[in-house]
Amino acid sequence: INMLYQIQKITIENERKLHIDYANGGSIVVDFNPIIETGGVLAKLADPEFFDRVSIGENGRYIQWPGEIEFCADSLWFQSHPSENKFQELKGQLLSEKT
C-alpha cells in the first residue's frame, strides 16, 4: 500500500477554498477559513492576493505559500478521509491495549 499521497492539481475556489486533485484519482475541497481563524502566520491566507499564490510543493507532497506556509498532502487527505488513516487506527489500538 502506498501511503504517500501526491497532489497533481490545485484549483482555487471562492471563499478561500481549494479543490485538490490527487494522483490516486481522488479529490478533496479544503476550506481554509477555520485555519485562517486560528490567526498567527496563517492569518495571511485571508488576503485573496496572497491566497492565490498557492503552489504545489516538491513531488506533489504538499501545497505551499510564500513564507514557509505548507500543508502536507497526506494530512490534507486524511482530514477529508479520516476512516482511511491507518496510523490513527493503529494509535487507537496501541492506546487501548495499554489501558
C-alpha atoms as a PDB file:
ATOM      1  CA  ILE A   1       0.000   0.000   0.000  1.00  0.00           C
ATOM      2  CA  ASN A   2       1.372   3.387  -0.953  1.00  0.00           C
ATOM      3  CA  MET A   3       0.695   5.646   1.993  1.00  0.00           C
ATOM      4  CA  LEU A   4       2.153   8.697   0.266  1.00  0.00           C
ATOM      5  CA  TYR A   5      -0.409  10.937  -1.372  1.00  0.00           C
ATOM      6  CA  GLN A   6       0.620  13.127  -4.283  1.00  0.00           C
ATOM      7  CA  ILE A   7      -1.133  16.305  -5.321  1.00  0.00           C
ATOM      8  CA  GLN A   8      -1.443  16.725  -9.078  1.00  0.00           C
ATOM      9  CA  LYS A   9      -3.507  19.881  -9.393  1.00  0.00           C
ATOM     10  CA  ILE A  10      -4.952  22.641  -7.245  1.00  0.00           C
ATOM     11  CA  THR A  11      -7.814  24.898  -8.238  1.00  0.00           C
ATOM     12  CA  ILE A  12      -8.648  27.992  -6.235  1.00  0.00           C
ATOM     13  CA  GLU A  13     -12.345  28.229  -5.447  1.00  0.00           C
ATOM     14  CA  ASN A  14     -14.200  31.160  -3.925  1.00  0.00           C
ATOM     15  CA  GLU A  15     -14.261  31.957  -0.208  1.00  0.00           C
ATOM     16  CA  ARG A  16     -10.727  30.672   0.472  1.00  0.00           C
ATOM     17  CA  LYS A  17     -11.285  27.089  -0.574  1.00  0.00           C
ATOM     18  CA  LEU A  18      -9.007  24.852  -2.634  1.00  0.00           C
ATOM     19  CA  HIS A  19     -10.025  21.952  -4.837  1.00  0.00           C
ATOM     20  CA  ILE A  20      -7.146  19.476  -4.700  1.00  0.00           C
ATOM     21  CA  ASP A  21      -6.750  16.635  -7.217  1.00  0.00           C
ATOM     22  CA  TYR A  22      -4.578  13.682  -6.185  1.00  0.00           C
ATOM     23  CA  ALA A  23      -2.592  11.193  -8.264  1.00  0.00           C
ATOM     24  CA  ASN A  24      -4.795   8.357  -6.904  1.00  0.00           C
ATOM     25  CA  GLY A  25      -7.762   9.829  -8.787  1.00  0.00           C
ATOM     26  CA  GLY A  26      -9.380  11.263  -5.682  1.00  0.00           C
ATOM     27  CA  SER A  27     -10.069  14.895  -4.998  1.00  0.00           C
ATOM     28  CA  ILE A  28     -10.986  16.985  -1.982  1.00  0.00           C
ATOM     29  CA  VAL A  29     -12.113  20.523  -1.240  1.00  0.00           C
ATOM     30  CA  VAL A  30     -10.394  22.182   1.702  1.00  0.00           C
ATOM     31  CA  ASP A  31     -11.970  25.183   3.414  1.00  0.00           C
ATOM     32  CA  PHE A  32      -9.143  27.313   4.812  1.00  0.00           C
ATOM     33  CA  ASN A  33     -11.424  29.671   6.758  1.00  0.00           C
ATOM     34  CA  PRO A  34     -11.193  27.709  10.052  1.00  0.00           C
ATOM     35  CA  ILE A  35      -7.404  27.577   9.623  1.00  0.00           C
ATOM     36  CA  ILE A  36      -7.242  31.338   8.974  1.00  0.00           C
ATOM     37  CA  GLU A  37      -9.285  31.992  12.122  1.00  0.00           C
ATOM     38  CA  THR A  38      -6.554  30.389  14.241  1.00  0.00           C
ATOM     39  CA  GLY A  39      -4.516  33.506  13.458  1.00  0.00           C
ATOM     40  CA  GLY A  40      -0.777  33.974  13.588  1.00  0.00           C
ATOM     41  CA  VAL A  41       1.142  33.467  10.358  1.00  0.00           C
ATOM     42  CA  LEU A  42      -1.883  31.650   8.860  1.00  0.00           C
ATOM     43  CA  ALA A  43      -3.942  34.866   9.021  1.00  0.00           C
ATOM     44  CA  LYS A  44      -2.078  35.935   5.845  1.00  0.00           C
ATOM     45  CA  LEU A  45      -4.200  33.413   3.928  1.00  0.00           C
ATOM     46  CA  ALA A  46      -7.195  35.734   4.398  1.00  0.00           C
ATOM     47  CA  ASP A  47      -5.682  38.098   1.808  1.00  0.00           C
ATOM     48  CA  PRO A  48      -7.087  36.966  -1.578  1.00  0.00           C
ATOM     49  CA  GLU A  49      -3.951  38.043  -3.477  1.00  0.00           C
ATOM     50  CA  PHE A  50      -1.742  36.058  -1.100  1.00  0.00           C
ATOM     51  CA  PHE A  51      -4.098  33.062  -1.105  1.00  0.00           C
ATOM     52  CA  ASP A  52      -3.921  32.969  -4.915  1.00  0.00           C
ATOM     53  CA  ARG A  53      -0.140  32.440  -4.700  1.00  0.00           C
ATOM     54  CA  VAL A  54      -0.585  28.831  -3.560  1.00  0.00           C
ATOM     55  CA  SER A  55       1.544  26.274  -5.387  1.00  0.00           C
ATOM     56  CA  ILE A  56       2.304  22.569  -5.322  1.00  0.00           C
ATOM     57  CA  GLY A  57       5.482  21.594  -3.481  1.00  0.00           C
ATOM     58  CA  GLU A  58       8.174  19.107  -4.451  1.00  0.00           C
ATOM     59  CA  ASN A  59       6.832  15.837  -5.896  1.00  0.00           C
ATOM     60  CA  GLY A  60       3.276  16.911  -5.084  1.00  0.00           C
ATOM     61  CA  ARG A  61       3.870  16.131  -1.407  1.00  0.00           C
ATOM     62  CA  TYR A  62       2.492  19.442  -0.098  1.00  0.00           C
ATOM     63  CA  ILE A  63       0.915  22.745  -1.009  1.00  0.00           C
ATOM     64  CA  GLN A  64       2.705  25.932  -0.121  1.00  0.00           C
ATOM     65  CA  TRP A  65       2.512  29.687   0.064  1.00  0.00           C
ATOM     66  CA  PRO A  66       5.475  32.075   0.149  1.00  0.00           C
ATOM     67  CA  GLY A  67       6.925  32.457   3.632  1.00  0.00           C
ATOM     68  CA  GLU A  68       7.030  28.903   4.982  1.00  0.00           C
ATOM     69  CA  ILE A  69       3.306  28.125   4.993  1.00  0.00           C
ATOM     70  CA  GLU A  70       2.936  24.471   3.970  1.00  0.00           C
ATOM     71  CA  PHE A  71       0.298  21.778   4.301  1.00  0.00           C
ATOM     72  CA  CYS A  72       1.219  18.115   3.824  1.00  0.00           C
ATOM     73  CA  ALA A  73      -0.635  16.191   1.084  1.00  0.00           C
ATOM     74  CA  ASP A  74      -1.227  13.245   3.446  1.00  0.00           C
ATOM     75  CA  SER A  75      -2.667  15.294   6.294  1.00  0.00           C
ATOM     76  CA  LEU A  76      -4.991  17.181   3.938  1.00  0.00           C
ATOM     77  CA  TRP A  77      -6.216  13.854   2.503  1.00  0.00           C
ATOM     78  CA  PHE A  78      -6.774  12.244   5.911  1.00  0.00           C
ATOM     79  CA  GLN A  79      -8.568  15.311   7.217  1.00  0.00           C
ATOM     80  CA  SER A  80     -11.153  14.667   4.492  1.00  0.00           C
ATOM     81  CA  HIS A  81     -10.978  10.841   4.758  1.00  0.00           C
ATOM     82  CA  PRO A  82     -10.428  10.067   8.468  1.00  0.00           C
ATOM     83  CA  SER A  83     -11.505   6.431   8.085  1.00  0.00           C
ATOM     84  CA  GLU A  84      -8.558   5.808   5.723  1.00  0.00           C
ATOM     85  CA  ASN A  85      -5.968   6.945   8.255  1.00  0.00           C
ATOM     86  CA  LYS A  86      -4.375   3.640   9.282  1.00  0.00           C
ATOM     87  CA  PHE A  87      -1.930   5.478  11.548  1.00  0.00           C
ATOM     88  CA  GLN A  88      -4.804   6.876  13.597  1.00  0.00           C
ATOM     89  CA  GLU A  89      -6.355   3.407  13.772  1.00  0.00           C
ATOM     90  CA  LEU A  90      -3.055   1.917  14.930  1.00  0.00           C
ATOM     91  CA  LYS A  91      -2.623   4.666  17.523  1.00  0.00           C
ATOM     92  CA  GLY A  92      -6.086   3.860  18.874  1.00  0.00           C
ATOM     93  CA  GLN A  93      -5.239   0.147  19.120  1.00  0.00           C
ATOM     94  CA  LEU A  94      -1.977   0.844  20.911  1.00  0.00           C
ATOM     95  CA  LEU A  95      -3.686   3.125  23.405  1.00  0.00           C
ATOM     96  CA  SER A  96      -6.488   0.704  24.116  1.00  0.00           C
ATOM     97  CA  GLU A  97      -4.003  -2.134  24.763  1.00  0.00           C
ATOM     98  CA  LYS A  98      -2.284  -0.094  27.474  1.00  0.00           C
ATOM     99  CA  THR A  99      -5.459   0.581  29.470  1.00  0.00           C
END
